[in-house]
Amino acid sequence: MKATKIKRALAVMGVVTAAGIVPLVTAAPAHASQARCVNYLGNQGYLIGPRVRAACDYAALSSGVIKLPNPYCVTGLVNIGVRSGDASTACKRA
């Protein structure tokens, strides 16, 4: 009887631990990509604010060989005054 309770407790602890770790592991790459997009635009002289960060949240599209800028990212940046070429380059880094 005690062995069954211990196994259940260990299983619950494993699930709770996995639930806490998985979001951290999966969120890290997206955050790093957003930072690369934002940093590029900052280095080009653009002011960085919430709308830039929101646009840079859209990850680049991968064709397996090359990365393509996400159209939502490019459109979001162009709509707030980022030059098209800069938007495209930044969104490839997202």
PDB file of N, CA and C in Angstrom:
ATOM      1  N   MET A   1       0.819  -1.183   0.000  1.00  0.00           N
ATOM      2  CA  MET A   1       0.000   0.000   0.000  1.00  0.00           C
ATOM      3  C   MET A   1       0.871   1.258   0.000  1.00  0.00           C
ATOM      4  N   LYS A   2       1.900   1.300   0.846  1.00  0.00           N
ATOM      5  CA  LYS A   2       2.778   2.465   0.917  1.00  0.00           C
ATOM      6  C   LYS A   2       3.559   2.630  -0.378  1.00  0.00           C
ATOM      7  N   ALA A   3       3.978   1.528  -0.985  1.00  0.00           N
ATOM      8  CA  ALA A   3       4.743   1.592  -2.228  1.00  0.00           C
ATOM      9  C   ALA A   3       3.922   2.249  -3.329  1.00  0.00           C
ATOM     10  N   THR A   4       2.641   1.947  -3.390  1.00  0.00           N
ATOM     11  CA  THR A   4       1.759   2.546  -4.390  1.00  0.00           C
ATOM     12  C   THR A   4       1.627   4.048  -4.164  1.00  0.00           C
ATOM     13  N   LYS A   5       1.483   4.462  -2.918  1.00  0.00           N
ATOM     14  CA  LYS A   5       1.368   5.887  -2.609  1.00  0.00           C
ATOM     15  C   LYS A   5       2.656   6.622  -2.958  1.00  0.00           C
ATOM     16  N   ILE A   6       3.785   5.997  -2.693  1.00  0.00           N
ATOM     17  CA  ILE A   6       5.079   6.609  -3.009  1.00  0.00           C
ATOM     18  C   ILE A   6       5.235   6.757  -4.520  1.00  0.00           C
ATOM     19  N   LYS A   7       4.840   5.724  -5.268  1.00  0.00           N
ATOM     20  CA  LYS A   7       4.931   5.784  -6.734  1.00  0.00           C
ATOM     21  C   LYS A   7       4.040   6.896  -7.277  1.00  0.00           C
ATOM     22  N   ARG A   8       2.845   7.015  -6.739  1.00  0.00           N
ATOM     23  CA  ARG A   8       1.936   8.077  -7.182  1.00  0.00           C
ATOM     24  C   ARG A   8       2.503   9.453  -6.861  1.00  0.00           C
ATOM     25  N   ALA A   9       3.055   9.587  -5.672  1.00  0.00           N
ATOM     26  CA  ALA A   9       3.636  10.873  -5.273  1.00  0.00           C
ATOM     27  C   ALA A   9       4.803  11.235  -6.189  1.00  0.00           C
ATOM     28  N   LEU A  10       5.639  10.266  -6.507  1.00  0.00           N
ATOM     29  CA  LEU A  10       6.762  10.525  -7.414  1.00  0.00           C
ATOM     30  C   LEU A  10       6.274  10.881  -8.817  1.00  0.00           C
ATOM     31  N   ALA A  11       5.224  10.214  -9.269  1.00  0.00           N
ATOM     32  CA  ALA A  11       4.669  10.522 -10.584  1.00  0.00           C
ATOM     33  C   ALA A  11       4.122  11.943 -10.620  1.00  0.00           C
ATOM     34  N   VAL A  12       3.414  12.335  -9.568  1.00  0.00           N
ATOM     35  CA  VAL A  12       2.866  13.691  -9.493  1.00  0.00           C
ATOM     36  C   VAL A  12       3.994  14.717  -9.471  1.00  0.00           C
ATOM     37  N   MET A  13       5.029  14.447  -8.697  1.00  0.00           N
ATOM     38  CA  MET A  13       6.166  15.372  -8.641  1.00  0.00           C
ATOM     39  C   MET A  13       6.828  15.483 -10.007  1.00  0.00           C
ATOM     40  N   GLY A  14       6.930  14.390 -10.730  1.00  0.00           N
ATOM     41  CA  GLY A  14       7.518  14.425 -12.070  1.00  0.00           C
ATOM     42  C   GLY A  14       6.708  15.266 -13.029  1.00  0.00           C
ATOM     43  N   VAL A  15       5.401  15.125 -12.984  1.00  0.00           N
ATOM     44  CA  VAL A  15       4.527  15.907 -13.856  1.00  0.00           C
ATOM     45  C   VAL A  15       4.601  17.388 -13.508  1.00  0.00           C
ATOM     46  N   VAL A  16       4.579  17.708 -12.241  1.00  0.00           N
ATOM     47  CA  VAL A  16       4.653  19.106 -11.809  1.00  0.00           C
ATOM     48  C   VAL A  16       5.990  19.719 -12.223  1.00  0.00           C
ATOM     49  N   THR A  17       7.064  18.977 -12.064  1.00  0.00           N
ATOM     50  CA  THR A  17       8.386  19.475 -12.462  1.00  0.00           C
ATOM     51  C   THR A  17       8.438  19.703 -13.968  1.00  0.00           C
ATOM     52  N   ALA A  18       7.931  18.745 -14.734  1.00  0.00           N
ATOM     53  CA  ALA A  18       7.927  18.894 -16.191  1.00  0.00           C
ATOM     54  C   ALA A  18       7.083  20.091 -16.611  1.00  0.00           C
ATOM     55  N   ALA A  19       5.963  20.292 -15.960  1.00  0.00           N
ATOM     56  CA  ALA A  19       5.095  21.426 -16.297  1.00  0.00           C
ATOM     57  C   ALA A  19       5.796  22.758 -16.029  1.00  0.00           C
ATOM     58  N   GLY A  20       6.675  22.790 -15.065  1.00  0.00           N
ATOM     59  CA  GLY A  20       7.406  24.021 -14.767  1.00  0.00           C
ATOM     60  C   GLY A  20       8.604  24.243 -15.658  1.00  0.00           C
ATOM     61  N   ILE A  21       9.231  23.168 -16.111  1.00  0.00           N
ATOM     62  CA  ILE A  21      10.455  23.281 -16.905  1.00  0.00           C
ATOM     63  C   ILE A  21      10.168  23.472 -18.386  1.00  0.00           C
ATOM     64  N   VAL A  22       9.183  22.770 -18.935  1.00  0.00           N
ATOM     65  CA  VAL A  22       8.910  22.811 -20.367  1.00  0.00           C
ATOM     66  C   VAL A  22       8.668  24.228 -20.887  1.00  0.00           C
ATOM     67  N   PRO A  23       7.845  25.051 -20.223  1.00  0.00           N
ATOM     68  CA  PRO A  23       7.664  26.415 -20.741  1.00  0.00           C
ATOM     69  C   PRO A  23       8.961  27.224 -20.753  1.00  0.00           C
ATOM     70  N   LEU A  24       9.815  27.016 -19.790  1.00  0.00           N
ATOM     71  CA  LEU A  24      11.079  27.753 -19.767  1.00  0.00           C
ATOM     72  C   LEU A  24      11.978  27.347 -20.924  1.00  0.00           C
ATOM     73  N   VAL A  25      12.026  26.075 -21.221  1.00  0.00           N
ATOM     74  CA  VAL A  25      12.882  25.582 -22.302  1.00  0.00           C
ATOM     75  C   VAL A  25      12.351  26.028 -23.651  1.00  0.00           C
ATOM     76  N   THR A  26      11.046  25.968 -23.854  1.00  0.00           N
ATOM     77  CA  THR A  26      10.489  26.333 -25.151  1.00  0.00           C
ATOM     78  C   THR A  26      10.442  27.844 -25.351  1.00  0.00           C
ATOM     79  N   ALA A  27      10.374  28.624 -24.294  1.00  0.00           N
ATOM     80  CA  ALA A  27      10.301  30.076 -24.437  1.00  0.00           C
ATOM     81  C   ALA A  27      11.659  30.696 -24.718  1.00  0.00           C
ATOM     82  N   ALA A  28      12.725  30.074 -24.307  1.00  0.00           N
ATOM     83  CA  ALA A  28      14.055  30.659 -24.457  1.00  0.00           C
ATOM     84  C   ALA A  28      14.428  30.957 -25.903  1.00  0.00           C
ATOM     85  N   PRO A  29      14.251  30.047 -26.857  1.00  0.00           N
ATOM     86  CA  PRO A  29      14.636  30.361 -28.229  1.00  0.00           C
ATOM     87  C   PRO A  29      13.834  31.515 -28.817  1.00  0.00           C
ATOM     88  N   ALA A  30      12.539  31.576 -28.551  1.00  0.00           N
ATOM     89  CA  ALA A  30      11.728  32.656 -29.089  1.00  0.00           C
ATOM     90  C   ALA A  30      12.184  33.989 -28.528  1.00  0.00           C
ATOM     91  N   HIS A  31      12.467  34.043 -27.244  1.00  0.00           N
ATOM     92  CA  HIS A  31      12.919  35.275 -26.627  1.00  0.00           C
ATOM     93  C   HIS A  31      14.259  35.703 -27.216  1.00  0.00           C
ATOM     94  N   ALA A  32      15.157  34.768 -27.416  1.00  0.00           N
ATOM     95  CA  ALA A  32      16.467  35.095 -27.967  1.00  0.00           C
ATOM     96  C   ALA A  32      16.320  35.650 -29.378  1.00  0.00           C
ATOM     97  N   SER A  33      15.406  35.086 -30.162  1.00  0.00           N
ATOM     98  CA  SER A  33      15.196  35.560 -31.525  1.00  0.00           C
ATOM     99  C   SER A  33      14.602  36.967 -31.526  1.00  0.00           C
ATOM    100  N   GLN A  34      13.665  37.215 -30.620  1.00  0.00           N
ATOM    101  CA  GLN A  34      13.078  38.546 -30.519  1.00  0.00           C
ATOM    102  C   GLN A  34      14.174  39.548 -30.173  1.00  0.00           C
ATOM    103  N   ALA A  35      15.067  39.167 -29.284  1.00  0.00           N
ATOM    104  CA  ALA A  35      16.146  40.063 -28.872  1.00  0.00           C
ATOM    105  C   ALA A  35      17.057  40.390 -30.056  1.00  0.00           C
ATOM    106  N   ARG A  36      17.326  39.421 -30.905  1.00  0.00           N
ATOM    107  CA  ARG A  36      18.182  39.675 -32.074  1.00  0.00           C
ATOM    108  C   ARG A  36      17.524  40.673 -33.018  1.00  0.00           C
ATOM    109  N   CYS A  37      16.208  40.526 -33.210  1.00  0.00           N
ATOM    110  CA  CYS A  37      15.451  41.445 -34.064  1.00  0.00           C
ATOM    111  C   CYS A  37      15.463  42.857 -33.469  1.00  0.00           C
ATOM    112  N   VAL A  38      15.165  42.947 -32.179  1.00  0.00           N
ATOM    113  CA  VAL A  38      15.111  44.239 -31.491  1.00  0.00           C
ATOM    114  C   VAL A  38      16.496  44.892 -31.469  1.00  0.00           C
ATOM    115  N   ASN A  39      17.517  44.120 -31.175  1.00  0.00           N
ATOM    116  CA  ASN A  39      18.879  44.672 -31.135  1.00  0.00           C
ATOM    117  C   ASN A  39      19.302  45.204 -32.493  1.00  0.00           C
ATOM    118  N   TYR A  40      18.970  44.493 -33.546  1.00  0.00           N
ATOM    119  CA  TYR A  40      19.321  44.964 -34.887  1.00  0.00           C
ATOM    120  C   TYR A  40      18.693  46.335 -35.148  1.00  0.00           C
ATOM    121  N   LEU A  41      17.401  46.447 -34.832  1.00  0.00           N
ATOM    122  CA  LEU A  41      16.724  47.723 -35.066  1.00  0.00           C
ATOM    123  C   LEU A  41      17.285  48.836 -34.187  1.00  0.00           C
ATOM    124  N   GLY A  42      17.625  48.508 -32.952  1.00  0.00           N
ATOM    125  CA  GLY A  42      18.248  49.498 -32.078  1.00  0.00           C
ATOM    126  C   GLY A  42      19.583  49.969 -32.627  1.00  0.00           C
ATOM    127  N   ASN A  43      20.349  49.041 -33.184  1.00  0.00           N
ATOM    128  CA  ASN A  43      21.644  49.401 -33.775  1.00  0.00           C
ATOM    129  C   ASN A  43      21.488  50.236 -35.043  1.00  0.00           C
ATOM    130  N   GLN A  44      20.318  50.154 -35.672  1.00  0.00           N
ATOM    131  CA  GLN A  44      20.052  50.958 -36.866  1.00  0.00           C
ATOM    132  C   GLN A  44      19.516  52.339 -36.510  1.00  0.00           C
ATOM    133  N   GLY A  45      19.318  52.590 -35.215  1.00  0.00           N
ATOM    134  CA  GLY A  45      18.893  53.906 -34.769  1.00  0.00           C
ATOM    135  C   GLY A  45      17.401  54.048 -34.474  1.00  0.00           C
ATOM    136  N   TYR A  46      16.662  52.965 -34.543  1.00  0.00           N
ATOM    137  CA  TYR A  46      15.224  53.039 -34.254  1.00  0.00           C
ATOM    138  C   TYR A  46      14.992  53.014 -32.750  1.00  0.00           C
ATOM    139  N   LEU A  47      13.953  53.720 -32.315  1.00  0.00           N
ATOM    140  CA  LEU A  47      13.544  53.664 -30.916  1.00  0.00           C
ATOM    141  C   LEU A  47      12.808  52.343 -30.693  1.00  0.00           C
ATOM    142  N   ILE A  48      13.130  51.684 -29.609  1.00  0.00           N
ATOM    143  CA  ILE A  48      12.533  50.387 -29.311  1.00  0.00           C
ATOM    144  C   ILE A  48      11.431  50.570 -28.283  1.00  0.00           C
ATOM    145  N   GLY A  49      10.263  50.094 -28.635  1.00  0.00           N
ATOM    146  CA  GLY A  49       9.116  50.176 -27.732  1.00  0.00           C
ATOM    147  C   GLY A  49       8.274  48.918 -27.841  1.00  0.00           C
ATOM    148  N   PRO A  50       7.112  48.933 -27.246  1.00  0.00           N
ATOM    149  CA  PRO A  50       6.270  47.736 -27.232  1.00  0.00           C
ATOM    150  C   PRO A  50       5.811  47.282 -28.620  1.00  0.00           C
ATOM    151  N   ARG A  51       5.605  48.222 -29.545  1.00  0.00           N
ATOM    152  CA  ARG A  51       5.161  47.808 -30.879  1.00  0.00           C
ATOM    153  C   ARG A  51       6.285  47.126 -31.656  1.00  0.00           C
ATOM    154  N   VAL A  52       7.520  47.576 -31.461  1.00  0.00           N
ATOM    155  CA  VAL A  52       8.657  46.902 -32.096  1.00  0.00           C
ATOM    156  C   VAL A  52       8.802  45.497 -31.520  1.00  0.00           C
ATOM    157  N   ARG A  53       8.723  45.382 -30.211  1.00  0.00           N
ATOM    158  CA  ARG A  53       8.840  44.062 -29.567  1.00  0.00           C
ATOM    159  C   ARG A  53       7.715  43.121 -30.017  1.00  0.00           C
ATOM    160  N   ALA A  54       6.510  43.667 -30.150  1.00  0.00           N
ATOM    161  CA  ALA A  54       5.375  42.848 -30.584  1.00  0.00           C
ATOM    162  C   ALA A  54       5.583  42.336 -32.011  1.00  0.00           C
ATOM    163  N   ALA A  55       6.071  43.184 -32.887  1.00  0.00           N
ATOM    164  CA  ALA A  55       6.318  42.761 -34.267  1.00  0.00           C
ATOM    165  C   ALA A  55       7.435  41.722 -34.306  1.00  0.00           C
ATOM    166  N   CYS A  56       8.471  41.922 -33.512  1.00  0.00           N
ATOM    167  CA  CYS A  56       9.601  40.993 -33.491  1.00  0.00           C
ATOM    168  C   CYS A  56       9.253  39.653 -32.839  1.00  0.00           C
ATOM    169  N   ASP A  57       8.084  39.567 -32.210  1.00  0.00           N
ATOM    170  CA  ASP A  57       7.632  38.295 -31.628  1.00  0.00           C
ATOM    171  C   ASP A  57       7.310  37.255 -32.700  1.00  0.00           C
ATOM    172  N   TYR A  58       7.017  37.694 -33.916  1.00  0.00           N
ATOM    173  CA  TYR A  58       6.716  36.750 -34.995  1.00  0.00           C
ATOM    174  C   TYR A  58       8.032  36.156 -35.507  1.00  0.00           C
ATOM    175  N   ALA A  59       8.195  34.878 -35.305  1.00  0.00           N
ATOM    176  CA  ALA A  59       9.442  34.196 -35.671  1.00  0.00           C
ATOM    177  C   ALA A  59       9.614  34.134 -37.186  1.00  0.00           C
ATOM    178  N   ALA A  60      10.866  34.137 -37.610  1.00  0.00           N
ATOM    179  CA  ALA A  60      11.184  33.988 -39.027  1.00  0.00           C
ATOM    180  C   ALA A  60      10.711  32.623 -39.512  1.00  0.00           C
ATOM    181  N   LEU A  61      10.410  32.546 -40.795  1.00  0.00           N
ATOM    182  CA  LEU A  61       9.973  31.294 -41.395  1.00  0.00           C
ATOM    183  C   LEU A  61      11.198  30.585 -41.959  1.00  0.00           C
ATOM    184  N   SER A  62      11.314  29.316 -41.687  1.00  0.00           N
ATOM    185  CA  SER A  62      12.476  28.562 -42.152  1.00  0.00           C
ATOM    186  C   SER A  62      12.065  27.642 -43.287  1.00  0.00           C
ATOM    187  N   SER A  63      12.805  27.736 -44.390  1.00  0.00           N
ATOM    188  CA  SER A  63      12.542  26.838 -45.515  1.00  0.00           C
ATOM    189  C   SER A  63      13.440  25.617 -45.445  1.00  0.00           C
ATOM    190  N   GLY A  64      14.176  25.492 -44.377  1.00  0.00           N
ATOM    191  CA  GLY A  64      15.117  24.388 -44.230  1.00  0.00           C
ATOM    192  C   GLY A  64      16.532  24.806 -44.604  1.00  0.00           C
ATOM    193  N   VAL A  65      16.646  25.676 -45.582  1.00  0.00           N
ATOM    194  CA  VAL A  65      17.955  26.140 -46.042  1.00  0.00           C
ATOM    195  C   VAL A  65      18.198  27.582 -45.624  1.00  0.00           C
ATOM    196  N   ILE A  66      17.178  28.408 -45.804  1.00  0.00           N
ATOM    197  CA  ILE A  66      17.311  29.830 -45.467  1.00  0.00           C
ATOM    198  C   ILE A  66      16.145  30.249 -44.574  1.00  0.00           C
ATOM    199  N   LYS A  67      16.319  31.377 -43.909  1.00  0.00           N
ATOM    200  CA  LYS A  67      15.245  31.964 -43.116  1.00  0.00           C
ATOM    201  C   LYS A  67      14.604  33.079 -43.928  1.00  0.00           C
ATOM    202  N   LEU A  68      13.288  33.107 -43.878  1.00  0.00           N
ATOM    203  CA  LEU A  68      12.535  34.148 -44.559  1.00  0.00           C
ATOM    204  C   LEU A  68      11.847  35.012 -43.512  1.00  0.00           C
ATOM    205  N   PRO A  69      11.750  36.325 -43.748  1.00  0.00           N
ATOM    206  CA  PRO A  69      11.085  37.177 -42.763  1.00  0.00           C
ATOM    207  C   PRO A  69       9.602  36.860 -42.698  1.00  0.00           C
ATOM    208  N   ASN A  70       9.059  36.827 -41.493  1.00  0.00           N
ATOM    209  CA  ASN A  70       7.631  36.601 -41.308  1.00  0.00           C
ATOM    210  C   ASN A  70       6.883  37.845 -41.784  1.00  0.00           C
ATOM    211  N   PRO A  71       5.904  37.681 -42.685  1.00  0.00           N
ATOM    212  CA  PRO A  71       5.180  38.856 -43.200  1.00  0.00           C
ATOM    213  C   PRO A  71       4.502  39.684 -42.105  1.00  0.00           C
ATOM    214  N   TYR A  72       4.025  39.029 -41.029  1.00  0.00           N
ATOM    215  CA  TYR A  72       3.406  39.780 -39.935  1.00  0.00           C
ATOM    216  C   TYR A  72       4.431  40.669 -39.231  1.00  0.00           C
ATOM    217  N   CYS A  73       5.637  40.174 -39.097  1.00  0.00           N
ATOM    218  CA  CYS A  73       6.712  40.956 -38.475  1.00  0.00           C
ATOM    219  C   CYS A  73       7.037  42.168 -39.349  1.00  0.00           C
ATOM    220  N   VAL A  74       7.245  41.917 -40.644  1.00  0.00           N
ATOM    221  CA  VAL A  74       7.610  43.001 -41.571  1.00  0.00           C
ATOM    222  C   VAL A  74       6.510  44.060 -41.612  1.00  0.00           C
ATOM    223  N   THR A  75       5.273  43.620 -41.760  1.00  0.00           N
ATOM    224  CA  THR A  75       4.152  44.562 -41.823  1.00  0.00           C
ATOM    225  C   THR A  75       4.039  45.376 -40.543  1.00  0.00           C
ATOM    226  N   GLY A  76       4.194  44.719 -39.411  1.00  0.00           N
ATOM    227  CA  GLY A  76       4.120  45.435 -38.139  1.00  0.00           C
ATOM    228  C   GLY A  76       5.189  46.505 -38.014  1.00  0.00           C
ATOM    229  N   LEU A  77       6.393  46.181 -38.455  1.00  0.00           N
ATOM    230  CA  LEU A  77       7.480  47.163 -38.367  1.00  0.00           C
ATOM    231  C   LEU A  77       7.320  48.297 -39.379  1.00  0.00           C
ATOM    232  N   VAL A  78       6.947  47.963 -40.604  1.00  0.00           N
ATOM    233  CA  VAL A  78       6.767  48.993 -41.635  1.00  0.00           C
ATOM    234  C   VAL A  78       5.647  49.946 -41.239  1.00  0.00           C
ATOM    235  N   ASN A  79       4.597  49.421 -40.628  1.00  0.00           N
ATOM    236  CA  ASN A  79       3.469  50.264 -40.211  1.00  0.00           C
ATOM    237  C   ASN A  79       3.837  51.272 -39.126  1.00  0.00           C
ATOM    238  N   ILE A  80       4.937  51.030 -38.415  1.00  0.00           N
ATOM    239  CA  ILE A  80       5.343  51.999 -37.389  1.00  0.00           C
ATOM    240  C   ILE A  80       6.537  52.836 -37.835  1.00  0.00           C
ATOM    241  N   GLY A  81       6.863  52.753 -39.132  1.00  0.00           N
ATOM    242  CA  GLY A  81       7.867  53.654 -39.684  1.00  0.00           C
ATOM    243  C   GLY A  81       9.252  53.076 -39.920  1.00  0.00           C
ATOM    244  N   VAL A  82       9.417  51.773 -39.787  1.00  0.00           N
ATOM    245  CA  VAL A  82      10.716  51.142 -40.068  1.00  0.00           C
ATOM    246  C   VAL A  82      10.831  50.958 -41.583  1.00  0.00           C
ATOM    247  N   ARG A  83      11.983  51.306 -42.147  1.00  0.00           N
ATOM    248  CA  ARG A  83      12.197  51.117 -43.574  1.00  0.00           C
ATOM    249  C   ARG A  83      12.061  49.639 -43.933  1.00  0.00           C
ATOM    250  N   SER A  84      11.537  49.369 -45.095  1.00  0.00           N
ATOM    251  CA  SER A  84      11.236  48.007 -45.531  1.00  0.00           C
ATOM    252  C   SER A  84      12.458  47.090 -45.474  1.00  0.00           C
ATOM    253  N   GLY A  85      13.598  47.561 -45.961  1.00  0.00           N
ATOM    254  CA  GLY A  85      14.818  46.757 -45.942  1.00  0.00           C
ATOM    255  C   GLY A  85      15.272  46.426 -44.529  1.00  0.00           C
ATOM    256  N   ASP A  86      15.179  47.415 -43.641  1.00  0.00           N
ATOM    257  CA  ASP A  86      15.552  47.177 -42.240  1.00  0.00           C
ATOM    258  C   ASP A  86      14.579  46.216 -41.582  1.00  0.00           C
ATOM    259  N   ALA A  87      13.289  46.354 -41.895  1.00  0.00           N
ATOM    260  CA  ALA A  87      12.275  45.465 -41.329  1.00  0.00           C
ATOM    261  C   ALA A  87      12.525  44.028 -41.773  1.00  0.00           C
ATOM    262  N   SER A  88      12.816  43.855 -43.053  1.00  0.00           N
ATOM    263  CA  SER A  88      13.050  42.519 -43.587  1.00  0.00           C
ATOM    264  C   SER A  88      14.270  41.869 -42.939  1.00  0.00           C
ATOM    265  N   THR A  89      15.343  42.618 -42.813  1.00  0.00           N
ATOM    266  CA  THR A  89      16.564  42.078 -42.201  1.00  0.00           C
ATOM    267  C   THR A  89      16.325  41.740 -40.724  1.00  0.00           C
ATOM    268  N   ALA A  90      15.641  42.631 -40.011  1.00  0.00           N
ATOM    269  CA  ALA A  90      15.358  42.379 -38.588  1.00  0.00           C
ATOM    270  C   ALA A  90      14.484  41.147 -38.419  1.00  0.00           C
ATOM    271  N   CYS A  91      13.482  41.017 -39.270  1.00  0.00           N
ATOM    272  CA  CYS A  91      12.543  39.891 -39.132  1.00  0.00           C
ATOM    273  C   CYS A  91      13.185  38.560 -39.514  1.00  0.00           C
ATOM    274  N   LYS A  92      14.210  38.575 -40.322  1.00  0.00           N
ATOM    275  CA  LYS A  92      14.955  37.329 -40.590  1.00  0.00           C
ATOM    276  C   LYS A  92      15.688  36.874 -39.348  1.00  0.00           C
ATOM    277  N   ARG A  93      16.001  37.801 -38.463  1.00  0.00           N
ATOM    278  CA  ARG A  93      16.714  37.468 -37.218  1.00  0.00           C
ATOM    279  C   ARG A  93      15.757  37.028 -36.127  1.00  0.00           C
ATOM    280  N   ALA A  94      14.462  37.285 -36.319  1.00  0.00           N
ATOM    281  CA  ALA A  94      13.465  36.923 -35.285  1.00  0.00           C
ATOM    282  C   ALA A  94      13.238  35.423 -35.246  1.00  0.00           C
TER     283      ALA A  94
END
